Protein backbone atom coordinates (compact mmCIF):
# COMPACT_ATOMS: atom_id res chain seq x y z
CA MET A 1 23.14 2.44 -4.74
CA THR A 2 20.07 3.90 -6.42
CA SER A 3 18.43 2.21 -9.39
CA THR A 4 15.30 3.01 -11.39
CA VAL A 5 12.11 1.00 -11.04
CA ARG A 6 9.80 1.34 -14.05
CA VAL A 7 6.11 0.54 -14.36
CA ARG A 8 4.72 0.24 -17.88
CA LEU A 9 0.96 0.55 -18.34
CA PRO A 10 -0.70 -1.29 -21.25
CA ALA A 11 -1.75 0.88 -24.18
CA GLU A 12 -5.43 0.00 -23.74
CA ILE A 13 -5.27 1.40 -20.20
CA ALA A 14 -3.09 4.45 -20.86
CA PRO A 15 -3.72 5.86 -24.37
CA PRO A 16 -0.96 7.82 -26.14
CA SER A 17 -2.13 11.10 -24.57
CA GLN A 18 -1.43 9.76 -21.08
CA THR A 19 1.62 8.58 -19.19
CA ARG A 20 2.49 4.98 -20.11
CA LEU A 21 5.84 4.58 -18.36
CA LEU A 22 6.36 5.59 -14.74
CA SER A 23 9.88 5.74 -13.28
CA PHE A 24 10.91 5.75 -9.62
CA PRO A 25 14.49 6.15 -8.33
CA ALA A 26 14.83 3.58 -5.56
CA ILE A 27 17.36 1.63 -3.54
CA LYS A 28 17.35 -2.14 -3.59
CA TYR A 29 15.22 -3.77 -0.89
CA ASP A 30 18.25 -5.24 0.82
CA ARG A 31 19.27 -5.00 4.47
CA ASN A 32 22.82 -3.95 3.57
CA GLN A 33 21.54 -1.12 1.37
CA PHE A 34 19.54 0.33 4.24
CA LEU A 35 22.55 0.12 6.55
CA ALA A 36 24.88 1.66 3.97
CA THR A 37 22.59 4.55 3.00
CA GLY A 38 20.89 5.20 6.33
CA LEU A 39 17.57 5.41 4.46
CA GLN A 40 14.31 3.90 5.70
CA THR A 41 12.44 1.05 4.01
CA GLY A 42 10.11 3.41 2.13
CA HIS A 43 12.96 4.39 -0.20
CA ALA A 44 12.79 0.94 -1.81
CA VAL A 45 10.07 -0.49 -4.06
CA TRP A 46 8.97 -3.78 -2.52
CA PRO A 47 7.65 -6.81 -4.46
CA CYS A 48 4.05 -6.57 -3.29
CA SER A 49 3.73 -3.15 -4.93
CA ALA A 50 3.88 -4.98 -8.27
CA LEU A 51 1.11 -7.35 -7.15
CA LEU A 52 -1.18 -4.45 -6.23
CA CYS A 53 -0.35 -2.57 -9.45
CA ASP A 54 -1.09 -5.70 -11.50
CA TYR A 55 -4.49 -6.00 -9.87
CA MET A 56 -5.39 -2.35 -10.48
CA MET A 57 -4.28 -2.57 -14.12
CA ASP A 58 -6.35 -5.74 -14.56
CA HIS A 59 -9.34 -4.09 -12.86
CA PRO A 60 -9.04 -0.31 -13.43
CA ASP A 61 -12.68 0.15 -12.42
CA VAL A 62 -11.72 -0.38 -8.76
CA VAL A 63 -10.11 3.09 -8.72
CA GLU A 64 -11.54 4.90 -11.75
CA GLY A 65 -13.46 8.01 -10.72
CA LYS A 66 -12.92 7.32 -7.02
CA ARG A 67 -11.20 9.02 -4.12
CA VAL A 68 -8.21 6.88 -3.14
CA LEU A 69 -5.94 6.89 -0.09
CA GLU A 70 -2.60 5.06 -0.24
CA LEU A 71 -1.11 4.15 3.13
CA GLY A 72 2.64 3.66 3.46
CA CYS A 73 3.07 4.96 -0.07
CA GLY A 74 6.87 4.99 -0.04
CA LEU A 75 7.89 6.38 -3.43
CA GLY A 76 4.25 6.44 -4.53
CA VAL A 77 4.22 3.63 -7.09
CA CYS A 78 0.72 2.29 -6.41
CA GLY A 79 -0.87 5.69 -5.87
CA SER A 80 0.66 6.96 -9.11
CA VAL A 81 -0.74 3.98 -11.01
CA ALA A 82 -4.17 4.62 -9.46
CA SER A 83 -3.97 8.23 -10.65
CA VAL A 84 -3.09 7.26 -14.23
CA LEU A 85 -5.95 4.73 -14.19
CA GLY A 86 -8.40 7.56 -13.64
CA ALA A 87 -8.85 7.97 -9.89
CA GLN A 88 -10.63 11.23 -9.14
CA HIS A 89 -8.23 12.17 -6.36
CA VAL A 90 -5.36 10.29 -4.71
CA VAL A 91 -3.86 11.01 -1.32
CA LEU A 92 -0.40 9.45 -0.99
CA SER A 93 0.60 9.10 2.65
CA ASP A 94 3.56 7.77 4.58
CA GLY A 95 5.04 8.12 8.04
CA ASP A 96 8.42 9.25 6.67
CA ASP A 97 8.64 12.92 5.67
CA SER A 98 11.64 12.30 3.39
CA VAL A 99 9.76 9.60 1.50
CA ILE A 100 6.81 11.92 0.93
CA ASP A 101 9.20 14.43 -0.67
CA LYS A 102 10.55 11.69 -2.95
CA ALA A 103 7.04 10.60 -3.92
CA ARG A 104 6.14 14.18 -4.82
CA ASP A 105 9.33 14.54 -6.89
CA ALA A 106 8.59 11.28 -8.74
CA ALA A 107 5.04 12.40 -9.53
CA LYS A 108 6.38 15.64 -11.01
CA ALA A 109 9.07 13.82 -13.02
CA ASN A 110 6.46 11.39 -14.36
CA GLY A 111 4.26 14.25 -15.57
CA LEU A 112 1.27 13.35 -13.42
CA GLU A 113 -1.50 15.86 -12.86
CA LEU A 114 -0.54 17.18 -9.43
CA GLN A 115 -3.91 18.86 -8.89
CA SER A 116 -5.43 15.37 -8.50
CA LEU A 117 -2.68 14.23 -6.11
CA GLU A 118 -2.09 15.10 -2.48
CA PHE A 119 0.83 14.15 -0.24
CA ARG A 120 0.49 13.74 3.53
CA VAL A 121 2.39 12.38 6.51
CA ILE A 122 0.14 9.88 8.30
CA ARG A 123 1.42 7.56 11.03
CA TRP A 124 -1.07 5.09 12.39
CA GLY A 125 -0.92 4.08 16.02
CA GLU A 126 0.46 7.43 17.22
CA PRO A 127 -1.53 10.06 19.13
CA GLY A 128 -2.41 12.96 16.85
CA SER A 129 -1.55 10.99 13.70
CA LEU A 130 -4.95 11.63 12.11
CA ILE A 131 -5.01 15.42 12.48
CA ASP A 132 -4.70 16.10 8.74
CA GLY A 133 -8.05 15.50 7.07
CA GLU A 134 -9.67 14.30 10.30
CA GLY A 135 -13.03 12.76 9.51
CA GLU A 136 -12.27 12.49 5.77
CA ARG A 137 -13.26 9.16 4.22
CA PHE A 138 -12.32 7.43 0.96
CA GLU A 139 -14.02 5.00 -1.41
CA VAL A 140 -10.78 3.03 -1.82
CA ILE A 141 -7.76 2.59 0.44
CA ILE A 142 -4.66 0.78 -0.86
CA GLY A 143 -1.44 -0.37 0.75
CA SER A 144 1.40 -2.80 0.11
CA ASP A 145 4.07 -4.28 2.39
CA LEU A 146 2.64 -2.47 5.41
CA LEU A 147 3.09 -5.33 7.90
CA TYR A 148 6.31 -7.30 8.20
CA GLY A 149 8.67 -8.78 10.76
CA PRO A 150 7.92 -9.92 14.31
CA PRO A 151 5.98 -7.45 16.48
CA ARG A 152 8.73 -7.31 19.12
CA GLY A 153 7.43 -4.73 21.60
CA ALA A 154 4.21 -4.05 19.67
CA LEU A 155 2.04 -6.57 21.49
CA ARG A 156 -1.43 -6.02 22.91
CA PRO A 157 -2.28 -7.24 26.44
CA ASP A 158 -3.86 -10.36 24.90
CA GLY A 159 -0.58 -11.15 23.09
CA LYS A 160 -1.83 -10.14 19.63
CA ASP A 161 -0.04 -7.84 17.20
CA GLN A 162 -0.77 -4.18 18.01
CA ARG A 163 0.35 -3.09 14.52
CA ILE A 164 -2.50 -5.00 12.86
CA LYS A 165 -5.06 -3.35 15.14
CA ASP A 166 -3.57 0.11 14.57
CA LEU A 167 -3.64 -0.32 10.78
CA LEU A 168 -7.21 -1.61 10.62
CA GLU A 169 -8.39 1.00 13.09
CA LEU A 170 -7.07 3.68 10.74
CA VAL A 171 -8.75 1.96 7.78
CA ASP A 172 -12.01 1.83 9.74
CA ARG A 173 -11.81 5.58 10.40
CA ARG A 174 -10.92 6.49 6.81
CA LEU A 175 -12.99 4.05 4.71
CA GLU A 176 -16.43 5.19 3.55
CA MET A 177 -19.40 3.70 5.40
CA THR A 178 -20.70 1.77 2.40
CA ALA A 179 -20.71 -1.88 1.40
CA THR A 180 -18.70 -1.14 -1.76
CA ALA A 181 -15.87 0.81 -0.10
CA THR A 182 -12.74 -1.34 -0.26
CA PHE A 183 -9.31 -1.64 1.33
CA PHE A 184 -6.76 -3.52 -0.79
CA LEU A 185 -3.72 -4.86 1.08
CA ALA A 186 -0.90 -6.53 -0.86
CA PHE A 187 0.82 -8.63 1.71
CA GLU A 188 3.75 -10.98 2.26
CA ARG A 189 3.77 -13.41 5.11
CA ARG A 190 6.83 -12.20 7.02
CA ASP A 191 6.30 -13.22 10.63
CA VAL A 192 2.78 -11.77 10.53
CA SER A 193 -0.24 -14.05 10.86
CA HIS A 194 -2.78 -14.06 8.03
CA ASP A 195 -5.32 -15.51 10.45
CA GLU A 196 -4.78 -12.69 12.92
CA ILE A 197 -5.28 -10.09 10.19
CA MET A 198 -8.61 -11.65 9.24
CA GLU A 199 -9.67 -12.05 12.87
CA THR A 200 -8.86 -8.42 13.66
CA ALA A 201 -10.71 -7.31 10.52
CA ARG A 202 -13.86 -9.00 11.83
CA ASP A 203 -13.50 -7.00 15.07
CA PHE A 204 -13.89 -3.88 12.91
CA LYS A 205 -16.76 -5.45 10.95
CA LEU A 206 -14.65 -5.82 7.84
CA SER A 207 -14.85 -8.89 5.63
CA CYS A 208 -11.57 -10.19 4.20
CA ASN A 209 -11.28 -12.05 0.91
CA VAL A 210 -8.66 -12.88 -1.71
CA PRO A 211 -9.84 -11.61 -5.14
CA GLU A 212 -10.22 -14.18 -7.88
CA GLY A 213 -7.26 -14.50 -10.23
CA GLU A 214 -3.54 -14.99 -9.84
CA TYR A 215 -3.14 -12.64 -6.92
CA CYS A 216 -1.90 -15.16 -4.41
CA GLU A 217 1.39 -16.68 -5.45
CA ASP A 218 4.66 -18.09 -4.21
CA ILE A 219 7.26 -15.56 -5.35
CA PHE A 220 9.95 -15.94 -2.73
CA ALA A 221 10.87 -19.60 -3.00
CA ASN A 222 14.52 -18.80 -3.76
CA ARG A 223 15.09 -16.04 -1.22
CA THR A 224 18.13 -16.51 1.00
CA ASP A 225 18.21 -13.23 2.92
CA ASP A 226 15.75 -14.29 5.61
CA MET A 227 15.21 -17.39 7.72
CA THR A 228 11.45 -17.38 7.17
CA ASP A 229 10.35 -20.64 5.55
CA PHE A 230 7.08 -19.40 4.12
CA TRP A 231 7.21 -16.35 1.86
CA ARG A 232 3.89 -15.96 0.10
CA ALA A 233 2.46 -12.86 -1.50
CA CYS A 234 -1.25 -12.32 -1.76
CA LEU A 235 -3.80 -9.57 -2.13
CA PHE A 236 -6.43 -9.12 0.55
CA GLU A 237 -9.69 -7.28 -0.17
CA PHE A 238 -11.50 -5.82 2.84
CA ARG A 239 -15.06 -4.53 2.72
CA ARG A 240 -17.49 -3.36 5.35
CA ILE A 241 -19.96 -5.90 6.70
CA VAL A 242 -23.24 -4.04 6.37
CA THR A 243 -26.26 -5.58 8.06
């Protein structure tokens, strides 16, 4: 069943001449919905998208006037918010072609300026996945709910999670080579180690911090659809370590 997820931007951020209410047709982030519809996870809007949108709306300067890449955009919620907040150019990317089409449709329906938006299929960790825009770098990279579940077969020879390395390797190749360039990752602990993310970030000479404010919170205390004991959402901020 499809429902509509709406994001309302405060009037002081989006004046009357701009879009204040963004709407996205989505399925519920529920295992049974995915089985019933046959759709992939990108067709749902996941909770950490709200966390990342809240941060950008509280700090619009992090995207204003900048070139932004969204990884795993799904329906394009966070990238659309970045665009309304004044990003110079936003590339919305996902590994699912059908999701990219939905994100483009939502942007049109929301009246966004499509000349400042671009839609691409990017799959990290696959040979040839960086062909489009090879060598292109961005001042800001954003992503939410990109890492979840046990790695299963995605283990490195040292036993660490290959998915974390693949993601941060892509970030390293796409993020500008400046101390102010930033990767924002809104993240739930779902069988993925926070410590391993930070350790792998250091391998790529990226610092990892949690921004000040209420961007690290327990929001899954009452969930019953997973056996994980610790569901905690937080926002990680990665920047290059420049010496």
